Amino acid sequence: YWNDTSPTSSVFSLGNHVLNNGSGKTMVAYVFSNRVGFS
């Protein structure tokens, strides 16, 4: 899934599976952070 690595303030990490990092496969990623009073 995430190569046992938590996201940082700049990047998120991936394993080597087609679910999020298949060779030559096109991915879409929706990424969300907490925002006080909103999310």
Full PDB file with SEQRES, HELIX, SHEET, SSBOND, CRYST1, ORIGX, SCALE, CONECT and MASTER records, all heavy atoms in Angstrom:
SEQRES   1 A   39  TYR TRP ASN ASP THR SER PRO THR SER SER VAL PHE SER          
SEQRES   2 A   39  LEU GLY ASN HIS VAL LEU ASN ASN GLY SER GLY LYS THR          
SEQRES   3 A   39  MET VAL ALA TYR VAL PHE SER ASN ARG VAL GLY PHE SER          
HELIX    1 AA1 VAL A   18  ASN A   21  1                                   4    
CRYST1    1.000    1.000    1.000  90.00  90.00  90.00 P 1           1          
ORIGX1      1.000000  0.000000  0.000000        0.00000                         
ORIGX2      0.000000  1.000000  0.000000        0.00000                         
ORIGX3      0.000000  0.000000  1.000000        0.00000                         
SCALE1      1.000000  0.000000  0.000000        0.00000                         
SCALE2      0.000000  1.000000  0.000000        0.00000                         
SCALE3      0.000000  0.000000  1.000000        0.00000                         
ATOM      1  N   TYR A   1       0.830  -1.211   0.000  1.00  0.00           N  
ATOM      2  CA  TYR A   1       0.000   0.000   0.000  1.00  0.00           C  
ATOM      3  C   TYR A   1       0.862   1.256   0.000  1.00  0.00           C  
ATOM      4  O   TYR A   1       0.985   1.961  -0.994  1.00  0.00           O  
ATOM      5  CB  TYR A   1      -0.927   0.021   1.226  1.00  0.00           C  
ATOM      6  CG  TYR A   1      -2.100  -0.905   1.131  1.00  0.00           C  
ATOM      7  CD1 TYR A   1      -2.127  -2.089   1.863  1.00  0.00           C  
ATOM      8  CD2 TYR A   1      -3.184  -0.607   0.327  1.00  0.00           C  
ATOM      9  CE1 TYR A   1      -3.221  -2.949   1.784  1.00  0.00           C  
ATOM     10  CE2 TYR A   1      -4.276  -1.451   0.241  1.00  0.00           C  
ATOM     11  CZ  TYR A   1      -4.287  -2.626   0.968  1.00  0.00           C  
ATOM     12  OH  TYR A   1      -5.360  -3.470   0.891  1.00  0.00           O  
ATOM     13  N   TRP A   2       1.461   1.546   1.166  1.00  0.00           N  
ATOM     14  CA  TRP A   2       2.139   2.843   1.375  1.00  0.00           C  
ATOM     15  C   TRP A   2       3.608   2.665   1.745  1.00  0.00           C  
ATOM     16  O   TRP A   2       4.223   3.590   2.245  1.00  0.00           O  
ATOM     17  CB  TRP A   2       1.404   3.635   2.458  1.00  0.00           C  
ATOM     18  CG  TRP A   2      -0.072   3.474   2.362  1.00  0.00           C  
ATOM     19  CD1 TRP A   2      -0.906   2.832   3.225  1.00  0.00           C  
ATOM     20  CD2 TRP A   2      -0.920   3.946   1.296  1.00  0.00           C  
ATOM     21  NE1 TRP A   2      -2.205   2.866   2.778  1.00  0.00           N  
ATOM     22  CE2 TRP A   2      -2.244   3.547   1.597  1.00  0.00           C  
ATOM     23  CE3 TRP A   2      -0.686   4.680   0.128  1.00  0.00           C  
ATOM     24  CZ2 TRP A   2      -3.328   3.839   0.766  1.00  0.00           C  
ATOM     25  CZ3 TRP A   2      -1.758   4.968  -0.702  1.00  0.00           C  
ATOM     26  CH2 TRP A   2      -3.060   4.553  -0.385  1.00  0.00           C  
ATOM     27  N   ASN A   3       4.136   1.449   1.489  1.00  0.00           N  
ATOM     28  CA  ASN A   3       5.527   1.136   1.811  1.00  0.00           C  
ATOM     29  C   ASN A   3       5.823   1.376   3.298  1.00  0.00           C  
ATOM     30  O   ASN A   3       6.947   1.707   3.681  1.00  0.00           O  
ATOM     31  CB  ASN A   3       6.490   1.961   0.946  1.00  0.00           C  
ATOM     32  CG  ASN A   3       7.882   1.357   0.889  1.00  0.00           C  
ATOM     33  OD1 ASN A   3       8.039   0.156   0.717  1.00  0.00           O  
ATOM     34  ND2 ASN A   3       8.900   2.196   1.051  1.00  0.00           N  
ATOM     35  N   ASP A   4       4.798   1.195   4.148  1.00  0.00           N  
ATOM     36  CA  ASP A   4       4.919   1.411   5.597  1.00  0.00           C  
ATOM     37  C   ASP A   4       5.515   2.775   5.923  1.00  0.00           C  
ATOM     38  O   ASP A   4       6.273   2.940   6.900  1.00  0.00           O  
ATOM     39  CB  ASP A   4       5.767   0.311   6.240  1.00  0.00           C  
ATOM     40  CG  ASP A   4       5.095  -1.054   6.177  1.00  0.00           C  
ATOM     41  OD1 ASP A   4       3.937  -1.135   5.712  1.00  0.00           O  
ATOM     42  OD2 ASP A   4       5.723  -2.041   6.587  1.00  0.00           O  
ATOM     43  N   THR A   5       5.152   3.771   5.126  1.00  0.00           N  
ATOM     44  CA  THR A   5       5.706   5.119   5.286  1.00  0.00           C  
ATOM     45  C   THR A   5       4.564   6.128   5.286  1.00  0.00           C  
ATOM     46  O   THR A   5       3.746   6.158   4.363  1.00  0.00           O  
ATOM     47  CB  THR A   5       6.681   5.451   4.140  1.00  0.00           C  
ATOM     48  OG1 THR A   5       7.691   4.445   4.074  1.00  0.00           O  
ATOM     49  CG2 THR A   5       7.327   6.815   4.354  1.00  0.00           C  
ATOM     50  N   SER A   6       4.528   6.971   6.308  1.00  0.00           N  
ATOM     51  CA  SER A   6       3.467   7.972   6.409  1.00  0.00           C  
ATOM     52  C   SER A   6       3.708   9.136   5.455  1.00  0.00           C  
ATOM     53  O   SER A   6       4.861   9.461   5.141  1.00  0.00           O  
ATOM     54  CB  SER A   6       3.385   8.515   7.842  1.00  0.00           C  
ATOM     55  OG  SER A   6       3.038   7.479   8.750  1.00  0.00           O  
ATOM     56  N   PRO A   7       2.648   9.790   4.999  1.00  0.00           N  
ATOM     57  CA  PRO A   7       2.817  10.980   4.165  1.00  0.00           C  
ATOM     58  C   PRO A   7       3.552  12.075   4.922  1.00  0.00           C  
ATOM     59  O   PRO A   7       3.532  12.131   6.155  1.00  0.00           O  
ATOM     60  CB  PRO A   7       1.375  11.397   3.845  1.00  0.00           C  
ATOM     61  CG  PRO A   7       0.537  10.198   4.105  1.00  0.00           C  
ATOM     62  CD  PRO A   7       1.216   9.461   5.206  1.00  0.00           C  
ATOM     63  N   THR A   8       4.177  12.957   4.183  1.00  0.00           N  
ATOM     64  CA  THR A   8       4.818  14.137   4.752  1.00  0.00           C  
ATOM     65  C   THR A   8       4.097  15.380   4.253  1.00  0.00           C  
ATOM     66  O   THR A   8       3.111  15.284   3.510  1.00  0.00           O  
ATOM     67  CB  THR A   8       6.303  14.208   4.348  1.00  0.00           C  
ATOM     68  OG1 THR A   8       6.393  14.535   2.950  1.00  0.00           O  
ATOM     69  CG2 THR A   8       7.007  12.882   4.603  1.00  0.00           C  
ATOM     70  N   SER A   9       4.600  16.525   4.623  1.00  0.00           N  
ATOM     71  CA  SER A   9       3.974  17.771   4.193  1.00  0.00           C  
ATOM     72  C   SER A   9       4.140  18.028   2.702  1.00  0.00           C  
ATOM     73  O   SER A   9       3.515  18.939   2.157  1.00  0.00           O  
ATOM     74  CB  SER A   9       4.553  18.952   4.980  1.00  0.00           C  
ATOM     75  OG  SER A   9       5.943  19.049   4.775  1.00  0.00           O  
ATOM     76  N   SER A  10       4.944  17.204   2.020  1.00  0.00           N  
ATOM     77  CA  SER A  10       5.159  17.410   0.580  1.00  0.00           C  
ATOM     78  C   SER A  10       4.806  16.206  -0.279  1.00  0.00           C  
ATOM     79  O   SER A  10       4.408  16.376  -1.432  1.00  0.00           O  
ATOM     80  CB  SER A  10       6.612  17.823   0.301  1.00  0.00           C  
ATOM     81  OG  SER A  10       7.507  16.833   0.782  1.00  0.00           O  
ATOM     82  N   VAL A  11       4.945  14.967   0.254  1.00  0.00           N  
ATOM     83  CA  VAL A  11       4.732  13.779  -0.583  1.00  0.00           C  
ATOM     84  C   VAL A  11       3.972  12.698   0.173  1.00  0.00           C  
ATOM     85  O   VAL A  11       3.919  12.689   1.400  1.00  0.00           O  
ATOM     86  CB  VAL A  11       6.078  13.185  -1.075  1.00  0.00           C  
ATOM     87  CG1 VAL A  11       6.869  14.192  -1.896  1.00  0.00           C  
ATOM     88  CG2 VAL A  11       6.922  12.679   0.102  1.00  0.00           C  
ATOM     89  N   PHE A  12       3.393  11.743  -0.588  1.00  0.00           N  
ATOM     90  CA  PHE A  12       2.909  10.488  -0.026  1.00  0.00           C  
ATOM     91  C   PHE A  12       3.677   9.356  -0.689  1.00  0.00           C  
ATOM     92  O   PHE A  12       4.163   9.484  -1.818  1.00  0.00           O  
ATOM     93  CB  PHE A  12       1.399  10.314  -0.199  1.00  0.00           C  
ATOM     94  CG  PHE A  12       0.880  10.406  -1.603  1.00  0.00           C  
ATOM     95  CD1 PHE A  12       0.804   9.282  -2.418  1.00  0.00           C  
ATOM     96  CD2 PHE A  12       0.444  11.619  -2.125  1.00  0.00           C  
ATOM     97  CE1 PHE A  12       0.306   9.350  -3.714  1.00  0.00           C  
ATOM     98  CE2 PHE A  12      -0.061  11.706  -3.415  1.00  0.00           C  
ATOM     99  CZ  PHE A  12      -0.119  10.568  -4.215  1.00  0.00           C  
ATOM    100  N   SER A  13       3.816   8.230   0.031  1.00  0.00           N  
ATOM    101  CA  SER A  13       4.645   7.115  -0.426  1.00  0.00           C  
ATOM    102  C   SER A  13       3.803   5.968  -0.945  1.00  0.00           C  
ATOM    103  O   SER A  13       2.647   5.778  -0.541  1.00  0.00           O  
ATOM    104  CB  SER A  13       5.541   6.623   0.716  1.00  0.00           C  
ATOM    105  OG  SER A  13       6.450   7.620   1.117  1.00  0.00           O  
ATOM    106  N   LEU A  14       4.409   5.161  -1.827  1.00  0.00           N  
ATOM    107  CA  LEU A  14       3.712   4.077  -2.506  1.00  0.00           C  
ATOM    108  C   LEU A  14       4.481   2.765  -2.399  1.00  0.00           C  
ATOM    109  O   LEU A  14       5.705   2.761  -2.262  1.00  0.00           O  
ATOM    110  CB  LEU A  14       3.534   4.412  -3.989  1.00  0.00           C  
ATOM    111  CG  LEU A  14       2.854   5.741  -4.334  1.00  0.00           C  
ATOM    112  CD1 LEU A  14       2.957   6.008  -5.829  1.00  0.00           C  
ATOM    113  CD2 LEU A  14       1.391   5.731  -3.880  1.00  0.00           C  
ATOM    114  N   GLY A  15       3.735   1.658  -2.476  1.00  0.00           N  
ATOM    115  CA  GLY A  15       4.351   0.354  -2.650  1.00  0.00           C  
ATOM    116  C   GLY A  15       4.561   0.108  -4.135  1.00  0.00           C  
ATOM    117  O   GLY A  15       4.692   1.041  -4.932  1.00  0.00           O  
ATOM    118  N   ASN A  16       4.538  -1.174  -4.526  1.00  0.00           N  
ATOM    119  CA  ASN A  16       4.793  -1.492  -5.932  1.00  0.00           C  
ATOM    120  C   ASN A  16       3.612  -2.184  -6.595  1.00  0.00           C  
ATOM    121  O   ASN A  16       3.742  -2.844  -7.612  1.00  0.00           O  
ATOM    122  CB  ASN A  16       6.029  -2.386  -6.049  1.00  0.00           C  
ATOM    123  CG  ASN A  16       5.872  -3.719  -5.313  1.00  0.00           C  
ATOM    124  OD1 ASN A  16       4.839  -3.974  -4.687  1.00  0.00           O  
ATOM    125  ND2 ASN A  16       6.888  -4.554  -5.360  1.00  0.00           N  
ATOM    126  N   HIS A  17       2.423  -2.005  -6.023  1.00  0.00           N  
ATOM    127  CA  HIS A  17       1.228  -2.716  -6.488  1.00  0.00           C  
ATOM    128  C   HIS A  17       0.449  -1.871  -7.489  1.00  0.00           C  
ATOM    129  O   HIS A  17       0.483  -0.643  -7.458  1.00  0.00           O  
ATOM    130  CB  HIS A  17       0.348  -3.055  -5.286  1.00  0.00           C  
ATOM    131  CG  HIS A  17      -0.690  -4.090  -5.554  1.00  0.00           C  
ATOM    132  ND1 HIS A  17      -1.888  -3.811  -6.165  1.00  0.00           N  
ATOM    133  CD2 HIS A  17      -0.727  -5.418  -5.282  1.00  0.00           C  
ATOM    134  CE1 HIS A  17      -2.613  -4.912  -6.260  1.00  0.00           C  
ATOM    135  NE2 HIS A  17      -1.930  -5.907  -5.724  1.00  0.00           N  
ATOM    136  N   VAL A  18      -0.319  -2.558  -8.347  1.00  0.00           N  
ATOM    137  CA  VAL A  18      -1.124  -1.871  -9.347  1.00  0.00           C  
ATOM    138  C   VAL A  18      -2.209  -1.008  -8.717  1.00  0.00           C  
ATOM    139  O   VAL A  18      -2.721  -0.070  -9.349  1.00  0.00           O  
ATOM    140  CB  VAL A  18      -1.757  -2.892 -10.319  1.00  0.00           C  
ATOM    141  CG1 VAL A  18      -2.807  -3.739  -9.612  1.00  0.00           C  
ATOM    142  CG2 VAL A  18      -2.359  -2.206 -11.542  1.00  0.00           C  
ATOM    143  N   LEU A  19      -2.556  -1.249  -7.447  1.00  0.00           N  
ATOM    144  CA  LEU A  19      -3.611  -0.479  -6.802  1.00  0.00           C  
ATOM    145  C   LEU A  19      -3.266   1.001  -6.717  1.00  0.00           C  
ATOM    146  O   LEU A  19      -4.155   1.855  -6.689  1.00  0.00           O  
ATOM    147  CB  LEU A  19      -3.939  -1.029  -5.413  1.00  0.00           C  
ATOM    148  CG  LEU A  19      -2.873  -0.954  -4.316  1.00  0.00           C  
ATOM    149  CD1 LEU A  19      -2.986   0.328  -3.497  1.00  0.00           C  
ATOM    150  CD2 LEU A  19      -2.996  -2.163  -3.390  1.00  0.00           C  
ATOM    151  N   ASN A  20      -1.964   1.343  -6.644  1.00  0.00           N  
ATOM    152  CA  ASN A  20      -1.597   2.761  -6.628  1.00  0.00           C  
ATOM    153  C   ASN A  20      -0.287   3.087  -7.343  1.00  0.00           C  
ATOM    154  O   ASN A  20       0.092   4.248  -7.440  1.00  0.00           O  
ATOM    155  CB  ASN A  20      -1.536   3.304  -5.188  1.00  0.00           C  
ATOM    156  CG  ASN A  20      -0.545   2.578  -4.314  1.00  0.00           C  
ATOM    157  OD1 ASN A  20       0.386   1.929  -4.786  1.00  0.00           O  
ATOM    158  ND2 ASN A  20      -0.729   2.691  -3.010  1.00  0.00           N  
ATOM    159  N   ASN A  21       0.385   2.037  -7.891  1.00  0.00           N  
ATOM    160  CA  ASN A  21       1.684   2.293  -8.514  1.00  0.00           C  
ATOM    161  C   ASN A  21       2.024   1.235  -9.551  1.00  0.00           C  
ATOM    162  O   ASN A  21       3.168   0.779  -9.638  1.00  0.00           O  
ATOM    163  CB  ASN A  21       2.776   2.353  -7.443  1.00  0.00           C  
ATOM    164  CG  ASN A  21       4.083   2.910  -7.968  1.00  0.00           C  
ATOM    165  OD1 ASN A  21       4.112   3.608  -8.983  1.00  0.00           O  
ATOM    166  ND2 ASN A  21       5.172   2.596  -7.285  1.00  0.00           N  
ATOM    167  N   GLY A  22       1.054   0.830 -10.361  1.00  0.00           N  
ATOM    168  CA  GLY A  22       1.322  -0.138 -11.413  1.00  0.00           C  
ATOM    169  C   GLY A  22       2.196   0.463 -12.504  1.00  0.00           C  
ATOM    170  O   GLY A  22       2.042   1.632 -12.874  1.00  0.00           O  
ATOM    171  N   SER A  23       3.093  -0.302 -13.038  1.00  0.00           N  
ATOM    172  CA  SER A  23       4.015   0.190 -14.056  1.00  0.00           C  
ATOM    173  C   SER A  23       3.256   0.696 -15.289  1.00  0.00           C  
ATOM    174  O   SER A  23       2.482  -0.047 -15.908  1.00  0.00           O  
ATOM    175  CB  SER A  23       4.977  -0.919 -14.479  1.00  0.00           C  
ATOM    176  OG  SER A  23       5.863  -0.467 -15.477  1.00  0.00           O  
ATOM    177  N   GLY A  24       3.454   1.965 -15.609  1.00  0.00           N  
ATOM    178  CA  GLY A  24       2.821   2.560 -16.780  1.00  0.00           C  
ATOM    179  C   GLY A  24       1.347   2.851 -16.628  1.00  0.00           C  
ATOM    180  O   GLY A  24       0.717   3.326 -17.584  1.00  0.00           O  
ATOM    181  N   LYS A  25       0.789   2.614 -15.445  1.00  0.00           N  
ATOM    182  CA  LYS A  25      -0.636   2.827 -15.225  1.00  0.00           C  
ATOM    183  C   LYS A  25      -0.902   4.267 -14.768  1.00  0.00           C  
ATOM    184  O   LYS A  25      -0.136   4.844 -14.003  1.00  0.00           O  
ATOM    185  CB  LYS A  25      -1.185   1.853 -14.185  1.00  0.00           C  
ATOM    186  CG  LYS A  25      -1.067   0.387 -14.591  1.00  0.00           C  
ATOM    187  CD  LYS A  25      -1.826   0.101 -15.883  1.00  0.00           C  
ATOM    188  CE  LYS A  25      -1.766  -1.358 -16.265  1.00  0.00           C  
ATOM    189  NZ  LYS A  25      -2.474  -1.631 -17.546  1.00  0.00           N  
ATOM    190  N   THR A  26      -2.009   4.830 -15.247  1.00  0.00           N  
ATOM    191  CA  THR A  26      -2.385   6.192 -14.889  1.00  0.00           C  
ATOM    192  C   THR A  26      -3.219   6.178 -13.619  1.00  0.00           C  
ATOM    193  O   THR A  26      -4.204   5.441 -13.517  1.00  0.00           O  
ATOM    194  CB  THR A  26      -3.181   6.850 -16.020  1.00  0.00           C  
ATOM    195  OG1 THR A  26      -2.388   6.850 -17.207  1.00  0.00           O  
ATOM    196  CG2 THR A  26      -3.543   8.289 -15.664  1.00  0.00           C  
ATOM    197  N   MET A  27      -2.832   6.996 -12.649  1.00  0.00           N  
ATOM    198  CA  MET A  27      -3.491   7.052 -11.343  1.00  0.00           C  
ATOM    199  C   MET A  27      -4.075   8.439 -11.097  1.00  0.00           C  
ATOM    200  O   MET A  27      -3.515   9.448 -11.542  1.00  0.00           O  
ATOM    201  CB  MET A  27      -2.481   6.758 -10.223  1.00  0.00           C  
ATOM    202  CG  MET A  27      -1.629   5.537 -10.437  1.00  0.00           C  
ATOM    203  SD  MET A  27      -2.561   4.025 -10.117  1.00  0.00           S  
ATOM    204  CE  MET A  27      -1.435   2.809 -10.811  1.00  0.00           C  
ATOM    205  N   VAL A  28      -5.172   8.472 -10.344  1.00  0.00           N  
ATOM    206  CA  VAL A  28      -5.674   9.736  -9.817  1.00  0.00           C  
ATOM    207  C   VAL A  28      -5.625   9.634  -8.296  1.00  0.00           C  
ATOM    208  O   VAL A  28      -5.960   8.589  -7.720  1.00  0.00           O  
ATOM    209  CB  VAL A  28      -7.102  10.061 -10.300  1.00  0.00           C  
ATOM    210  CG1 VAL A  28      -8.109   9.012  -9.860  1.00  0.00           C  
ATOM    211  CG2 VAL A  28      -7.521  11.444  -9.806  1.00  0.00           C  
ATOM    212  N   ALA A  29      -5.160  10.699  -7.645  1.00  0.00           N  
ATOM    213  CA  ALA A  29      -5.052  10.728  -6.186  1.00  0.00           C  
ATOM    214  C   ALA A  29      -5.770  11.956  -5.646  1.00  0.00           C  
ATOM    215  O   ALA A  29      -5.505  13.083  -6.084  1.00  0.00           O  
ATOM    216  CB  ALA A  29      -3.589  10.746  -5.763  1.00  0.00           C  
ATOM    217  N   TYR A  30      -6.676  11.723  -4.704  1.00  0.00           N  
ATOM    218  CA  TYR A  30      -7.331  12.802  -3.969  1.00  0.00           C  
ATOM    219  C   TYR A  30      -6.718  12.813  -2.569  1.00  0.00           C  
ATOM    220  O   TYR A  30      -6.763  11.804  -1.855  1.00  0.00           O  
ATOM    221  CB  TYR A  30      -8.836  12.576  -3.876  1.00  0.00           C  
ATOM    222  CG  TYR A  30      -9.523  12.369  -5.209  1.00  0.00           C  
ATOM    223  CD1 TYR A  30     -10.595  11.485  -5.329  1.00  0.00           C  
ATOM    224  CD2 TYR A  30      -9.104  13.045  -6.351  1.00  0.00           C  
ATOM    225  CE1 TYR A  30     -11.239  11.295  -6.546  1.00  0.00           C  
ATOM    226  CE2 TYR A  30      -9.745  12.867  -7.567  1.00  0.00           C  
ATOM    227  CZ  TYR A  30     -10.799  11.986  -7.664  1.00  0.00           C  
ATOM    228  OH  TYR A  30     -11.438  11.792  -8.881  1.00  0.00           O  
ATOM    229  N   VAL A  31      -6.157  13.940  -2.172  1.00  0.00           N  
ATOM    230  CA  VAL A  31      -5.411  14.030  -0.917  1.00  0.00           C  
ATOM    231  C   VAL A  31      -6.009  15.141  -0.061  1.00  0.00           C  
ATOM    232  O   VAL A  31      -6.241  16.250  -0.544  1.00  0.00           O  
ATOM    233  CB  VAL A  31      -3.915  14.308  -1.201  1.00  0.00           C  
ATOM    234  CG1 VAL A  31      -3.102  14.241   0.086  1.00  0.00           C  
ATOM    235  CG2 VAL A  31      -3.362  13.310  -2.223  1.00  0.00           C  
ATOM    236  N   PHE A  32      -6.250  14.826   1.224  1.00  0.00           N  
ATOM    237  CA  PHE A  32      -6.944  15.764   2.111  1.00  0.00           C  
ATOM    238  C   PHE A  32      -6.192  15.932   3.425  1.00  0.00           C  
ATOM    239  O   PHE A  32      -5.636  14.980   3.965  1.00  0.00           O  
ATOM    240  CB  PHE A  32      -8.354  15.255   2.423  1.00  0.00           C  
ATOM    241  CG  PHE A  32      -9.210  15.012   1.214  1.00  0.00           C  
ATOM    242  CD1 PHE A  32      -9.332  13.739   0.669  1.00  0.00           C  
ATOM    243  CD2 PHE A  32      -9.906  16.053   0.615  1.00  0.00           C  
ATOM    244  CE1 PHE A  32     -10.131  13.501  -0.439  1.00  0.00           C  
ATOM    245  CE2 PHE A  32     -10.714  15.825  -0.500  1.00  0.00           C  
ATOM    246  CZ  PHE A  32     -10.822  14.553  -1.032  1.00  0.00           C  
ATOM    247  N   SER A  33      -6.227  17.161   3.954  1.00  0.00           N  
ATOM    248  CA  SER A  33      -5.666  17.474   5.269  1.00  0.00           C  
ATOM    249  C   SER A  33      -6.727  18.104   6.154  1.00  0.00           C  
ATOM    250  O   SER A  33      -7.668  18.727   5.663  1.00  0.00           O  
ATOM    251  CB  SER A  33      -4.486  18.454   5.143  1.00  0.00           C  
ATOM    252  OG  SER A  33      -3.335  17.819   4.630  1.00  0.00           O  
ATOM    253  N   ASN A  34      -6.552  17.932   7.480  1.00  0.00           N  
ATOM    254  CA  ASN A  34      -7.421  18.617   8.433  1.00  0.00           C  
ATOM    255  C   ASN A  34      -7.312  20.126   8.259  1.00  0.00           C  
ATOM    256  O   ASN A  34      -6.211  20.662   8.098  1.00  0.00           O  
ATOM    257  CB  ASN A  34      -7.013  18.287   9.873  1.00  0.00           C  
ATOM    258  CG  ASN A  34      -7.361  16.874  10.285  1.00  0.00           C  
ATOM    259  OD1 ASN A  34      -8.233  16.240   9.703  1.00  0.00           O  
ATOM    260  ND2 ASN A  34      -6.688  16.377  11.309  1.00  0.00           N  
ATOM    261  N   ARG A  35      -8.446  20.799   8.314  1.00  0.00           N  
ATOM    262  CA  ARG A  35      -8.469  22.252   8.352  1.00  0.00           C  
ATOM    263  C   ARG A  35      -9.469  22.680   9.426  1.00  0.00           C  
ATOM    264  O   ARG A  35     -10.647  22.306   9.381  1.00  0.00           O  
ATOM    265  CB  ARG A  35      -8.862  22.846   6.996  1.00  0.00           C  
ATOM    266  CG  ARG A  35      -7.794  22.678   5.923  1.00  0.00           C  
ATOM    267  CD  ARG A  35      -6.533  23.467   6.261  1.00  0.00           C  
ATOM    268  NE  ARG A  35      -5.517  23.386   5.222  1.00  0.00           N  
ATOM    269  CZ  ARG A  35      -4.511  22.512   5.201  1.00  0.00           C  
ATOM    270  NH1 ARG A  35      -4.405  21.615   6.188  1.00  0.00           N  
ATOM    271  NH2 ARG A  35      -3.618  22.526   4.233  1.00  0.00           N  
ATOM    272  N   VAL A  36      -8.989  23.467  10.390  1.00  0.00           N  
ATOM    273  CA  VAL A  36      -9.814  23.869  11.528  1.00  0.00           C  
ATOM    274  C   VAL A  36     -11.093  24.538  11.042  1.00  0.00           C  
ATOM    275  O   VAL A  36     -11.061  25.466  10.229  1.00  0.00           O  
ATOM    276  CB  VAL A  36      -9.027  24.820  12.451  1.00  0.00           C  
ATOM    277  CG1 VAL A  36      -9.939  25.340  13.560  1.00  0.00           C  
ATOM    278  CG2 VAL A  36      -7.826  24.109  13.049  1.00  0.00           C  
ATOM    279  N   GLY A  37     -12.219  24.031  11.515  1.00  0.00           N  
ATOM    280  CA  GLY A  37     -13.512  24.612  11.168  1.00  0.00           C  
ATOM    281  C   GLY A  37     -14.053  24.215   9.821  1.00  0.00           C  
ATOM    282  O   GLY A  37     -15.163  24.618   9.457  1.00  0.00           O  
ATOM    283  N   PHE A  38     -13.293  23.382   9.065  1.00  0.00           N  
ATOM    284  CA  PHE A  38     -13.751  23.015   7.719  1.00  0.00           C  
ATOM    285  C   PHE A  38     -13.729  21.515   7.454  1.00  0.00           C  
ATOM    286  O   PHE A  38     -14.684  20.969   6.907  1.00  0.00           O  
ATOM    287  CB  PHE A  38     -12.900  23.709   6.664  1.00  0.00           C  
ATOM    288  CG  PHE A  38     -13.205  23.281   5.251  1.00  0.00           C  
ATOM    289  CD1 PHE A  38     -14.381  23.681   4.634  1.00  0.00           C  
ATOM    290  CD2 PHE A  38     -12.336  22.453   4.548  1.00  0.00           C  
ATOM    291  CE1 PHE A  38     -14.686  23.270   3.345  1.00  0.00           C  
ATOM    292  CE2 PHE A  38     -12.625  22.037   3.258  1.00  0.00           C  
ATOM    293  CZ  PHE A  38     -13.802  22.448   2.652  1.00  0.00           C  
ATOM    294  N   SER A  39     -12.652  20.817   7.823  1.00  0.00           N  
ATOM    295  CA  SER A  39     -12.562  19.384   7.533  1.00  0.00           C  
ATOM    296  C   SER A  39     -11.813  18.673   8.641  1.00  0.00           C  
ATOM    297  O   SER A  39     -10.934  19.255   9.294  1.00  0.00           O  
ATOM    298  CB  SER A  39     -11.860  19.140   6.192  1.00  0.00           C  
ATOM    299  OG  SER A  39     -10.523  19.639   6.219  1.00  0.00           O  
TER     300      SER A  39                                                      
MASTER        0    0    0    1    0    0    0    6  299    1    0    3          
END                                                                             
